[in-house]
Amino acid sequence: MEFIQDHYLTIKALHLISVISWMAGLLYLPRLYVYHAGREVGSESSEMLKVMEYKLLRYIMTPAMIATLVFGLLLMSIPGIAAQGWIHVKMALLLLLFGFHGACSKWRKDFAADRNHKTVTFFRYANEFPTLIMVVIVLLAVVKPF
């Protein structure tokens, strides 16, 4: 506990860096799916998008998500944080983002196996979901309304 209090600002900075990296992926990957859904199966651009999607998810998004969780849990261990009402709403919204990350992973596997059946329009709407959640989480974390 003393370690966390002594290094609070460093842990908070690492948490924010992780969140930014994860969110960048959560915003960009569905945009790649928009482009991919409009490509012919087996085309050169479809195959290139498969590689891009895999690398983004595997090497940026998933490690950033894990780091976000680890640093966030460290911050949650500070006395009094868990008793604040806003943090419970934030945690529930984070569960939605974890679920969205999982959905992105499933959609990537569908594209990789050439079995995507979702439309460009579906992915355009899906692309907006993490933005809405992010806005609410940032407002909760900064304003701490309750």
N, C-alpha and C. Protein backbone atom coordinates (compact mmCIF):
# COMPACT_ATOMS: atom_id res chain seq x y z
N MET A 1 0.82 -1.19 0.00
CA MET A 1 0.00 0.00 0.00
C MET A 1 0.87 1.26 0.00
N GLU A 2 1.92 1.23 0.79
CA GLU A 2 2.82 2.39 0.84
C GLU A 2 3.46 2.63 -0.52
N PHE A 3 3.78 1.55 -1.22
CA PHE A 3 4.38 1.67 -2.56
C PHE A 3 3.45 2.44 -3.48
N ILE A 4 2.17 2.11 -3.43
CA ILE A 4 1.21 2.77 -4.31
C ILE A 4 1.08 4.25 -3.97
N GLN A 5 1.04 4.56 -2.69
CA GLN A 5 0.94 5.97 -2.29
C GLN A 5 2.21 6.74 -2.67
N ASP A 6 3.36 6.11 -2.54
CA ASP A 6 4.63 6.76 -2.89
C ASP A 6 4.76 6.99 -4.40
N HIS A 7 4.13 6.14 -5.18
CA HIS A 7 4.26 6.19 -6.63
C HIS A 7 2.93 6.50 -7.33
N TYR A 8 2.04 7.15 -6.61
CA TYR A 8 0.69 7.41 -7.11
C TYR A 8 0.69 8.10 -8.47
N LEU A 9 1.45 9.18 -8.61
CA LEU A 9 1.43 9.93 -9.87
C LEU A 9 2.00 9.12 -11.03
N THR A 10 3.01 8.31 -10.76
CA THR A 10 3.58 7.46 -11.81
C THR A 10 2.57 6.41 -12.25
N ILE A 11 1.91 5.79 -11.28
CA ILE A 11 0.89 4.77 -11.59
C ILE A 11 -0.27 5.40 -12.35
N LYS A 12 -0.68 6.58 -11.93
CA LYS A 12 -1.78 7.28 -12.61
C LYS A 12 -1.38 7.62 -14.04
N ALA A 13 -0.15 8.09 -14.24
CA ALA A 13 0.32 8.41 -15.59
C ALA A 13 0.36 7.15 -16.46
N LEU A 14 0.85 6.05 -15.93
CA LEU A 14 0.90 4.80 -16.68
C LEU A 14 -0.51 4.30 -17.01
N HIS A 15 -1.44 4.51 -16.07
CA HIS A 15 -2.83 4.15 -16.33
C HIS A 15 -3.38 4.98 -17.49
N LEU A 16 -3.14 6.27 -17.47
CA LEU A 16 -3.64 7.14 -18.55
C LEU A 16 -3.01 6.81 -19.90
N ILE A 17 -1.72 6.52 -19.91
CA ILE A 17 -1.04 6.13 -21.15
C ILE A 17 -1.66 4.84 -21.69
N SER A 18 -1.91 3.90 -20.81
CA SER A 18 -2.53 2.63 -21.21
C SER A 18 -3.93 2.84 -21.76
N VAL A 19 -4.70 3.68 -21.08
CA VAL A 19 -6.07 3.97 -21.53
C VAL A 19 -6.05 4.61 -22.91
N ILE A 20 -5.17 5.58 -23.10
CA ILE A 20 -5.09 6.26 -24.40
C ILE A 20 -4.74 5.26 -25.50
N SER A 21 -3.79 4.38 -25.23
CA SER A 21 -3.40 3.38 -26.23
C SER A 21 -4.53 2.41 -26.54
N TRP A 22 -5.20 1.98 -25.50
CA TRP A 22 -6.32 1.04 -25.68
C TRP A 22 -7.46 1.70 -26.44
N MET A 23 -7.79 2.92 -26.04
CA MET A 23 -8.89 3.63 -26.71
C MET A 23 -8.57 3.91 -28.17
N ALA A 24 -7.32 4.23 -28.46
CA ALA A 24 -6.94 4.45 -29.86
C ALA A 24 -7.28 3.21 -30.69
N GLY A 25 -6.97 2.04 -30.15
CA GLY A 25 -7.29 0.80 -30.84
C GLY A 25 -8.78 0.54 -30.92
N LEU A 26 -9.49 0.81 -29.83
CA LEU A 26 -10.95 0.59 -29.82
C LEU A 26 -11.66 1.52 -30.81
N LEU A 27 -11.05 2.65 -31.10
CA LEU A 27 -11.63 3.58 -32.06
C LEU A 27 -11.20 3.25 -33.49
N TYR A 28 -9.99 2.74 -33.66
CA TYR A 28 -9.45 2.51 -34.99
C TYR A 28 -9.84 1.15 -35.57
N LEU A 29 -9.86 0.11 -34.75
CA LEU A 29 -10.15 -1.23 -35.26
C LEU A 29 -11.54 -1.32 -35.92
N PRO A 30 -12.59 -0.80 -35.29
CA PRO A 30 -13.89 -0.84 -35.99
C PRO A 30 -13.87 -0.04 -37.30
N ARG A 31 -13.06 1.00 -37.38
CA ARG A 31 -12.94 1.76 -38.62
C ARG A 31 -12.30 0.88 -39.69
N LEU A 32 -11.30 0.07 -39.30
CA LEU A 32 -10.73 -0.88 -40.26
C LEU A 32 -11.78 -1.87 -40.72
N TYR A 33 -12.67 -2.27 -39.79
CA TYR A 33 -13.74 -3.20 -40.17
C TYR A 33 -14.70 -2.57 -41.17
N VAL A 34 -14.93 -1.25 -41.04
CA VAL A 34 -15.77 -0.55 -42.02
C VAL A 34 -15.17 -0.72 -43.41
N TYR A 35 -13.87 -0.48 -43.51
CA TYR A 35 -13.19 -0.62 -44.80
C TYR A 35 -13.18 -2.08 -45.28
N HIS A 36 -12.94 -2.99 -44.33
CA HIS A 36 -12.82 -4.40 -44.67
C HIS A 36 -14.16 -4.97 -45.15
N ALA A 37 -15.24 -4.57 -44.50
CA ALA A 37 -16.56 -5.09 -44.87
C ALA A 37 -16.94 -4.70 -46.30
N GLY A 38 -16.33 -3.65 -46.80
CA GLY A 38 -16.61 -3.21 -48.16
C GLY A 38 -15.69 -3.80 -49.21
N ARG A 39 -14.80 -4.71 -48.80
CA ARG A 39 -13.84 -5.31 -49.73
C ARG A 39 -14.29 -6.71 -50.14
N GLU A 40 -13.88 -7.10 -51.32
CA GLU A 40 -14.18 -8.44 -51.81
C GLU A 40 -13.30 -9.45 -51.08
N VAL A 41 -13.90 -10.57 -50.65
CA VAL A 41 -13.15 -11.63 -49.98
C VAL A 41 -12.01 -12.10 -50.88
N GLY A 42 -10.83 -12.22 -50.31
CA GLY A 42 -9.67 -12.70 -51.05
C GLY A 42 -8.91 -11.63 -51.81
N SER A 43 -9.45 -10.41 -51.85
CA SER A 43 -8.76 -9.34 -52.56
C SER A 43 -7.48 -8.95 -51.82
N GLU A 44 -6.60 -8.28 -52.52
CA GLU A 44 -5.34 -7.84 -51.92
C GLU A 44 -5.59 -6.91 -50.73
N SER A 45 -6.55 -6.00 -50.88
CA SER A 45 -6.84 -5.07 -49.77
C SER A 45 -7.45 -5.81 -48.58
N SER A 46 -8.28 -6.81 -48.83
CA SER A 46 -8.85 -7.60 -47.74
C SER A 46 -7.75 -8.33 -46.97
N GLU A 47 -6.82 -8.90 -47.68
CA GLU A 47 -5.72 -9.62 -47.03
C GLU A 47 -4.82 -8.66 -46.24
N MET A 48 -4.59 -7.47 -46.77
CA MET A 48 -3.79 -6.47 -46.06
C MET A 48 -4.50 -6.04 -44.77
N LEU A 49 -5.81 -5.83 -44.86
CA LEU A 49 -6.58 -5.43 -43.68
C LEU A 49 -6.55 -6.52 -42.61
N LYS A 50 -6.56 -7.78 -43.01
CA LYS A 50 -6.47 -8.87 -42.03
C LYS A 50 -5.19 -8.76 -41.20
N VAL A 51 -4.08 -8.46 -41.86
CA VAL A 51 -2.80 -8.31 -41.16
C VAL A 51 -2.84 -7.11 -40.23
N MET A 52 -3.34 -6.00 -40.71
CA MET A 52 -3.43 -4.78 -39.90
C MET A 52 -4.30 -5.01 -38.66
N GLU A 53 -5.44 -5.65 -38.85
CA GLU A 53 -6.37 -5.90 -37.74
C GLU A 53 -5.72 -6.80 -36.70
N TYR A 54 -5.07 -7.85 -37.16
CA TYR A 54 -4.43 -8.78 -36.24
C TYR A 54 -3.36 -8.08 -35.41
N LYS A 55 -2.48 -7.34 -36.08
CA LYS A 55 -1.38 -6.68 -35.37
C LYS A 55 -1.88 -5.62 -34.40
N LEU A 56 -2.89 -4.86 -34.79
CA LEU A 56 -3.45 -3.85 -33.91
C LEU A 56 -4.02 -4.48 -32.65
N LEU A 57 -4.79 -5.54 -32.81
CA LEU A 57 -5.42 -6.20 -31.67
C LEU A 57 -4.39 -6.90 -30.80
N ARG A 58 -3.50 -7.64 -31.43
CA ARG A 58 -2.54 -8.48 -30.70
C ARG A 58 -1.43 -7.69 -30.02
N TYR A 59 -0.87 -6.70 -30.71
CA TYR A 59 0.33 -6.04 -30.22
C TYR A 59 0.11 -4.68 -29.58
N ILE A 60 -1.07 -4.10 -29.78
CA ILE A 60 -1.33 -2.79 -29.18
C ILE A 60 -2.53 -2.85 -28.23
N MET A 61 -3.68 -3.26 -28.76
CA MET A 61 -4.90 -3.18 -27.97
C MET A 61 -4.92 -4.09 -26.75
N THR A 62 -4.62 -5.35 -26.94
CA THR A 62 -4.71 -6.28 -25.81
C THR A 62 -3.68 -5.97 -24.73
N PRO A 63 -2.40 -5.73 -25.07
CA PRO A 63 -1.47 -5.33 -24.00
C PRO A 63 -1.90 -4.03 -23.30
N ALA A 64 -2.41 -3.07 -24.07
CA ALA A 64 -2.86 -1.81 -23.46
C ALA A 64 -4.06 -2.04 -22.55
N MET A 65 -4.97 -2.93 -22.95
CA MET A 65 -6.11 -3.25 -22.10
C MET A 65 -5.65 -3.87 -20.79
N ILE A 66 -4.72 -4.80 -20.87
CA ILE A 66 -4.21 -5.46 -19.67
C ILE A 66 -3.51 -4.44 -18.76
N ALA A 67 -2.70 -3.57 -19.36
CA ALA A 67 -2.01 -2.54 -18.57
C ALA A 67 -3.02 -1.59 -17.93
N THR A 68 -4.06 -1.23 -18.66
CA THR A 68 -5.12 -0.38 -18.12
C THR A 68 -5.73 -1.04 -16.89
N LEU A 69 -6.02 -2.30 -16.99
CA LEU A 69 -6.62 -3.04 -15.88
C LEU A 69 -5.67 -3.11 -14.69
N VAL A 70 -4.41 -3.45 -14.92
CA VAL A 70 -3.43 -3.58 -13.83
C VAL A 70 -3.25 -2.25 -13.10
N PHE A 71 -2.98 -1.18 -13.86
CA PHE A 71 -2.75 0.12 -13.22
C PHE A 71 -4.03 0.65 -12.58
N GLY A 72 -5.17 0.37 -13.19
CA GLY A 72 -6.44 0.77 -12.60
C GLY A 72 -6.71 0.07 -11.28
N LEU A 73 -6.41 -1.22 -11.22
CA LEU A 73 -6.59 -1.96 -9.97
C LEU A 73 -5.65 -1.45 -8.88
N LEU A 74 -4.44 -1.10 -9.27
CA LEU A 74 -3.51 -0.50 -8.30
C LEU A 74 -4.11 0.80 -7.74
N LEU A 75 -4.65 1.62 -8.61
CA LEU A 75 -5.26 2.87 -8.15
C LEU A 75 -6.49 2.60 -7.29
N MET A 76 -7.23 1.55 -7.61
CA MET A 76 -8.43 1.19 -6.83
C MET A 76 -8.09 0.75 -5.41
N SER A 77 -6.85 0.34 -5.20
CA SER A 77 -6.48 -0.13 -3.86
C SER A 77 -6.20 1.01 -2.89
N ILE A 78 -6.23 2.22 -3.35
CA ILE A 78 -6.05 3.38 -2.46
C ILE A 78 -7.29 3.50 -1.57
N PRO A 79 -7.08 3.61 -0.28
CA PRO A 79 -8.22 3.68 0.65
C PRO A 79 -9.21 4.79 0.29
N GLY A 80 -10.49 4.45 0.32
CA GLY A 80 -11.55 5.42 0.10
C GLY A 80 -12.04 5.50 -1.34
N ILE A 81 -11.24 5.06 -2.30
CA ILE A 81 -11.65 5.15 -3.71
C ILE A 81 -12.87 4.27 -3.97
N ALA A 82 -12.84 3.04 -3.51
CA ALA A 82 -13.93 2.10 -3.80
C ALA A 82 -15.25 2.52 -3.15
N ALA A 83 -15.21 3.41 -2.19
CA ALA A 83 -16.44 3.84 -1.52
C ALA A 83 -17.15 4.95 -2.28
N GLN A 84 -16.50 5.53 -3.27
CA GLN A 84 -17.10 6.63 -4.02
C GLN A 84 -18.04 6.07 -5.09
N GLY A 85 -19.21 6.65 -5.20
CA GLY A 85 -20.24 6.14 -6.10
C GLY A 85 -19.86 6.18 -7.56
N TRP A 86 -19.19 7.22 -7.99
CA TRP A 86 -18.86 7.37 -9.42
C TRP A 86 -17.99 6.23 -9.91
N ILE A 87 -17.14 5.68 -9.04
CA ILE A 87 -16.21 4.62 -9.47
C ILE A 87 -16.97 3.35 -9.84
N HIS A 88 -18.11 3.13 -9.19
CA HIS A 88 -18.90 1.93 -9.50
C HIS A 88 -19.52 2.03 -10.89
N VAL A 89 -19.97 3.22 -11.26
CA VAL A 89 -20.51 3.43 -12.60
C VAL A 89 -19.38 3.28 -13.62
N LYS A 90 -18.21 3.86 -13.29
CA LYS A 90 -17.06 3.74 -14.19
C LYS A 90 -16.69 2.28 -14.40
N MET A 91 -16.68 1.50 -13.36
CA MET A 91 -16.34 0.08 -13.47
C MET A 91 -17.36 -0.67 -14.34
N ALA A 92 -18.63 -0.34 -14.19
CA ALA A 92 -19.65 -0.98 -15.02
C ALA A 92 -19.43 -0.62 -16.50
N LEU A 93 -19.09 0.63 -16.76
CA LEU A 93 -18.82 1.05 -18.14
C LEU A 93 -17.56 0.38 -18.69
N LEU A 94 -16.58 0.17 -17.82
CA LEU A 94 -15.37 -0.54 -18.24
C LEU A 94 -15.69 -1.98 -18.63
N LEU A 95 -16.62 -2.59 -17.92
CA LEU A 95 -17.04 -3.94 -18.31
C LEU A 95 -17.61 -3.94 -19.72
N LEU A 96 -18.34 -2.89 -20.07
CA LEU A 96 -18.86 -2.77 -21.44
C LEU A 96 -17.71 -2.65 -22.45
N LEU A 97 -16.67 -1.88 -22.09
CA LEU A 97 -15.52 -1.76 -22.99
C LEU A 97 -14.76 -3.08 -23.12
N PHE A 98 -14.65 -3.83 -22.03
CA PHE A 98 -14.02 -5.15 -22.11
C PHE A 98 -14.83 -6.06 -23.03
N GLY A 99 -16.16 -5.98 -22.90
CA GLY A 99 -17.02 -6.76 -23.79
C GLY A 99 -16.88 -6.33 -25.24
N PHE A 100 -16.76 -5.04 -25.48
CA PHE A 100 -16.58 -4.53 -26.84
C PHE A 100 -15.24 -5.00 -27.40
N HIS A 101 -14.21 -5.00 -26.57
CA HIS A 101 -12.91 -5.52 -26.98
C HIS A 101 -13.04 -6.98 -27.42
N GLY A 102 -13.78 -7.75 -26.63
CA GLY A 102 -14.02 -9.15 -26.98
C GLY A 102 -14.79 -9.29 -28.29
N ALA A 103 -15.77 -8.42 -28.50
CA ALA A 103 -16.53 -8.44 -29.75
C ALA A 103 -15.62 -8.11 -30.93
N CYS A 104 -14.73 -7.12 -30.73
CA CYS A 104 -13.77 -6.77 -31.79
C CYS A 104 -12.88 -7.96 -32.13
N SER A 105 -12.51 -8.70 -31.11
CA SER A 105 -11.68 -9.88 -31.33
C SER A 105 -12.44 -10.94 -32.13
N LYS A 106 -13.70 -11.13 -31.79
CA LYS A 106 -14.52 -12.10 -32.54
C LYS A 106 -14.69 -11.66 -33.99
N TRP A 107 -14.97 -10.38 -34.19
CA TRP A 107 -15.15 -9.88 -35.55
C TRP A 107 -13.86 -10.04 -36.36
N ARG A 108 -12.72 -9.84 -35.71
CA ARG A 108 -11.44 -10.01 -36.41
C ARG A 108 -11.28 -11.46 -36.87
N LYS A 109 -11.63 -12.38 -35.99
CA LYS A 109 -11.55 -13.80 -36.35
C LYS A 109 -12.49 -14.13 -37.50
N ASP A 110 -13.66 -13.51 -37.50
CA ASP A 110 -14.60 -13.73 -38.61
C ASP A 110 -14.01 -13.23 -39.92
N PHE A 111 -13.43 -12.04 -39.90
CA PHE A 111 -12.79 -11.52 -41.12
C PHE A 111 -11.63 -12.41 -41.54
N ALA A 112 -10.83 -12.86 -40.57
CA ALA A 112 -9.66 -13.70 -40.89
C ALA A 112 -10.08 -15.00 -41.57
N ALA A 113 -11.24 -15.51 -41.19
CA ALA A 113 -11.75 -16.76 -41.77
C ALA A 113 -12.68 -16.51 -42.96
N ASP A 114 -12.76 -15.28 -43.41
CA ASP A 114 -13.63 -14.90 -44.54
C ASP A 114 -15.09 -15.28 -44.30
N ARG A 115 -15.55 -15.08 -43.06
CA ARG A 115 -16.94 -15.39 -42.76
C ARG A 115 -17.69 -14.21 -42.11
N ASN A 116 -17.22 -13.00 -42.38
CA ASN A 116 -17.95 -11.84 -41.87
C ASN A 116 -19.27 -11.68 -42.62
N HIS A 117 -20.34 -11.46 -41.86
CA HIS A 117 -21.66 -11.25 -42.46
C HIS A 117 -22.24 -9.90 -42.03
N LYS A 118 -21.46 -9.11 -41.33
CA LYS A 118 -21.93 -7.81 -40.87
C LYS A 118 -21.67 -6.77 -41.96
N THR A 119 -22.49 -5.74 -41.96
CA THR A 119 -22.43 -4.73 -43.01
C THR A 119 -21.50 -3.58 -42.64
N VAL A 120 -21.18 -2.79 -43.64
CA VAL A 120 -20.42 -1.56 -43.42
C VAL A 120 -21.16 -0.68 -42.43
N THR A 121 -22.48 -0.57 -42.58
CA THR A 121 -23.30 0.26 -41.68
C THR A 121 -23.21 -0.23 -40.24
N PHE A 122 -23.24 -1.54 -40.03
CA PHE A 122 -23.10 -2.08 -38.68
C PHE A 122 -21.80 -1.60 -38.05
N PHE A 123 -20.71 -1.70 -38.79
CA PHE A 123 -19.42 -1.31 -38.23
C PHE A 123 -19.30 0.21 -38.06
N ARG A 124 -20.00 0.98 -38.88
CA ARG A 124 -20.02 2.43 -38.68
C ARG A 124 -20.65 2.77 -37.34
N TYR A 125 -21.75 2.09 -37.01
CA TYR A 125 -22.39 2.32 -35.71
C TYR A 125 -21.54 1.77 -34.57
N ALA A 126 -20.97 0.60 -34.77
CA ALA A 126 -20.12 0.00 -33.74
C ALA A 126 -18.94 0.91 -33.42
N ASN A 127 -18.46 1.62 -34.43
CA ASN A 127 -17.33 2.52 -34.28
C ASN A 127 -17.63 3.65 -33.29
N GLU A 128 -18.89 3.99 -33.10
CA GLU A 128 -19.27 5.10 -32.21
C GLU A 128 -19.39 4.66 -30.75
N PHE A 129 -19.61 3.38 -30.52
CA PHE A 129 -19.86 2.89 -29.16
C PHE A 129 -18.74 3.23 -28.17
N PRO A 130 -17.46 2.91 -28.49
CA PRO A 130 -16.44 3.21 -27.49
C PRO A 130 -16.27 4.71 -27.23
N THR A 131 -16.58 5.54 -28.21
CA THR A 131 -16.49 6.99 -28.01
C THR A 131 -17.49 7.44 -26.96
N LEU A 132 -18.71 6.97 -27.06
CA LEU A 132 -19.75 7.36 -26.10
C LEU A 132 -19.38 6.91 -24.68
N ILE A 133 -18.91 5.69 -24.57
CA ILE A 133 -18.51 5.17 -23.25
C ILE A 133 -17.34 5.97 -22.70
N MET A 134 -16.36 6.27 -23.55
CA MET A 134 -15.18 7.02 -23.12
C MET A 134 -15.58 8.40 -22.58
N VAL A 135 -16.49 9.09 -23.26
CA VAL A 135 -16.92 10.42 -22.83
C VAL A 135 -17.49 10.35 -21.41
N VAL A 136 -18.35 9.39 -21.16
CA VAL A 136 -18.97 9.26 -19.84
C VAL A 136 -17.92 8.92 -18.79
N ILE A 137 -17.00 8.01 -19.11
CA ILE A 137 -15.96 7.63 -18.15
C ILE A 137 -15.08 8.82 -17.80
N VAL A 138 -14.67 9.59 -18.80
CA VAL A 138 -13.83 10.76 -18.52
C VAL A 138 -14.58 11.76 -17.66
N LEU A 139 -15.84 12.02 -17.98
CA LEU A 139 -16.62 12.94 -17.14
C LEU A 139 -16.72 12.44 -15.71
N LEU A 140 -16.97 11.16 -15.53
CA LEU A 140 -17.06 10.60 -14.18
C LEU A 140 -15.73 10.75 -13.44
N ALA A 141 -14.63 10.43 -14.11
CA ALA A 141 -13.32 10.44 -13.45
C ALA A 141 -12.86 11.86 -13.11
N VAL A 142 -13.24 12.83 -13.93
CA VAL A 142 -12.80 14.21 -13.68
C VAL A 142 -13.75 14.95 -12.74
N VAL A 143 -15.05 14.84 -13.00
CA VAL A 143 -16.03 15.59 -12.22
C VAL A 143 -16.36 14.91 -10.90
N LYS A 144 -16.31 13.57 -10.87
CA LYS A 144 -16.67 12.80 -9.66
C LYS A 144 -17.99 13.30 -9.07
N PRO A 145 -19.08 13.15 -9.84
CA PRO A 145 -20.34 13.77 -9.46
C PRO A 145 -21.03 13.19 -8.22
N PHE A 146 -20.67 12.00 -7.81
CA PHE A 146 -21.30 11.39 -6.64
C PHE A 146 -20.37 10.39 -6.00
